[in-house]
Amino acid sequence: MPHRLETKRPTDLHALLLQAVNENRLIRFKYRDRLRIAEPHDYGRHSGKVRLLCYQVDGQSSEALPNWRWIDVEGISDLELLQETFRGNRPSSKHHVWDEVFARAKETPPKSH
């Protein structure tokens, strides 16, 4: 069962985002009135705003999926931490300079079955 954020307190949101990034866990959330499922890769302060750089893998979008997304954290609602994990870093041709990084997804080896 996913852990659902019932309140909109910034400290709760911050704690769940830190956990999601540090544990490489997918998140489900609403942003700009659209339900999204994404891999949270980088979380921090970018250009003076608290943002999440994520790889949206499912949900609603005006663009083709999967795709990279910048999310202004103050616009997130109904955040859920899912049990599903992702491997970690994805290749990207663009690199971003952060003012401050709170958490960054780490590469994890694939699980053997």
Protein backbone atom coordinates (compact mmCIF):
# COMPACT_ATOMS: atom_id res chain seq x y z
CA MET A 1 0.00 0.00 0.00
CA PRO A 2 1.43 3.42 -0.94
CA HIS A 3 2.15 5.98 1.72
CA ARG A 4 -0.17 8.89 0.99
CA LEU A 5 0.49 12.43 2.08
CA GLU A 6 -2.75 13.55 3.70
CA THR A 7 -1.64 17.06 4.61
CA LYS A 8 -0.07 19.83 2.62
CA ARG A 9 2.48 20.80 5.27
CA PRO A 10 5.77 21.62 3.52
CA THR A 11 7.75 19.56 6.05
CA ASP A 12 5.71 16.42 5.24
CA LEU A 13 6.12 17.00 1.50
CA HIS A 14 9.85 17.58 1.94
CA ALA A 15 10.29 14.42 4.03
CA LEU A 16 8.39 12.24 1.52
CA LEU A 17 10.32 13.64 -1.44
CA LEU A 18 13.63 13.03 0.34
CA GLN A 19 12.57 9.45 1.08
CA ALA A 20 11.40 8.84 -2.50
CA VAL A 21 14.64 10.13 -4.03
CA ASN A 22 16.91 8.42 -1.50
CA GLU A 23 15.11 5.07 -1.91
CA ASN A 24 14.64 5.37 -5.71
CA ARG A 25 10.86 4.93 -5.32
CA LEU A 26 8.27 6.05 -7.82
CA ILE A 27 5.83 8.74 -6.79
CA ARG A 28 2.25 9.54 -7.79
CA PHE A 29 1.06 13.11 -7.44
CA LYS A 30 -1.10 15.84 -8.89
CA TYR A 31 0.55 18.78 -10.60
CA ARG A 32 -1.26 21.37 -12.68
CA ASP A 33 -4.49 19.37 -12.29
CA ARG A 34 -2.96 16.24 -13.82
CA LEU A 35 -2.22 12.94 -12.12
CA ARG A 36 1.37 11.87 -12.78
CA ILE A 37 3.62 8.92 -11.96
CA ALA A 38 7.32 9.64 -12.03
CA GLU A 39 10.82 8.68 -11.01
CA PRO A 40 12.15 11.48 -8.77
CA HIS A 41 15.80 12.02 -9.73
CA ASP A 42 16.96 15.37 -8.36
CA TYR A 43 15.36 17.44 -5.62
CA GLY A 44 16.61 20.83 -4.52
CA ARG A 45 16.72 24.54 -5.19
CA HIS A 46 17.14 25.54 -8.84
CA SER A 47 17.05 29.17 -10.01
CA GLY A 48 15.78 30.17 -6.56
CA LYS A 49 12.80 27.77 -6.52
CA VAL A 50 12.39 24.41 -4.79
CA ARG A 51 12.05 21.95 -7.66
CA LEU A 52 12.00 18.30 -8.51
CA LEU A 53 13.55 16.98 -11.70
CA CYS A 54 11.72 13.78 -12.48
CA TYR A 55 11.22 11.30 -15.30
CA GLN A 56 7.46 10.98 -15.81
CA VAL A 57 6.63 7.42 -16.83
CA ASP A 58 2.83 7.38 -16.66
CA GLY A 59 -0.23 9.47 -15.98
CA GLN A 60 -1.55 12.56 -17.67
CA SER A 61 0.61 14.87 -19.76
CA SER A 62 0.35 17.32 -22.62
CA GLU A 63 3.51 15.77 -24.12
CA ALA A 64 4.56 12.25 -25.09
CA LEU A 65 5.64 9.96 -22.26
CA PRO A 66 8.02 8.95 -20.85
CA ASN A 67 9.76 12.31 -20.57
CA TRP A 68 11.74 14.56 -18.23
CA ARG A 69 9.76 17.10 -16.21
CA TRP A 70 10.60 20.08 -14.01
CA ILE A 71 8.14 20.24 -11.13
CA ASP A 72 7.78 23.27 -8.87
CA VAL A 73 7.33 21.54 -5.51
CA GLU A 74 4.85 24.13 -4.19
CA GLY A 75 2.43 22.97 -6.92
CA ILE A 76 2.45 19.29 -5.86
CA SER A 77 -0.64 17.84 -4.17
CA ASP A 78 -1.83 14.34 -3.22
CA LEU A 79 1.71 12.95 -3.14
CA GLU A 80 2.00 9.17 -2.75
CA LEU A 81 5.18 7.19 -2.31
CA LEU A 82 4.82 3.95 -4.30
CA GLN A 83 6.44 0.59 -3.55
CA GLU A 84 7.85 0.30 -7.07
CA THR A 85 11.49 1.31 -7.41
CA PHE A 86 13.59 2.47 -10.35
CA ARG A 87 17.20 1.77 -11.16
CA GLY A 88 18.55 5.27 -10.70
CA ASN A 89 20.28 7.71 -13.01
CA ARG A 90 19.11 7.98 -16.60
CA PRO A 91 21.25 9.33 -19.40
CA SER A 92 20.51 12.93 -20.32
CA SER A 93 22.17 15.28 -22.75
CA LYS A 94 21.37 18.25 -20.51
CA HIS A 95 23.02 18.95 -17.20
CA HIS A 96 21.60 21.46 -14.75
CA VAL A 97 23.35 23.66 -12.24
CA TRP A 98 21.53 23.55 -8.91
CA ASP A 99 21.68 26.24 -6.23
CA GLU A 100 21.41 23.43 -3.66
CA VAL A 101 20.73 19.70 -4.01
CA PHE A 102 18.68 18.15 -1.20
CA ALA A 103 18.74 14.63 -2.68
CA ARG A 104 19.85 12.88 -5.87
CA ALA A 105 18.88 9.37 -7.02
CA LYS A 106 21.71 6.89 -6.91
CA GLU A 107 22.43 4.16 -9.43
CA THR A 108 21.41 0.78 -8.07
CA PRO A 109 22.29 -2.59 -9.56
CA PRO A 110 19.42 -4.57 -11.08
CA LYS A 111 17.80 -7.07 -8.75
CA SER A 112 18.47 -10.72 -9.52
CA HIS A 113 15.51 -13.07 -9.57
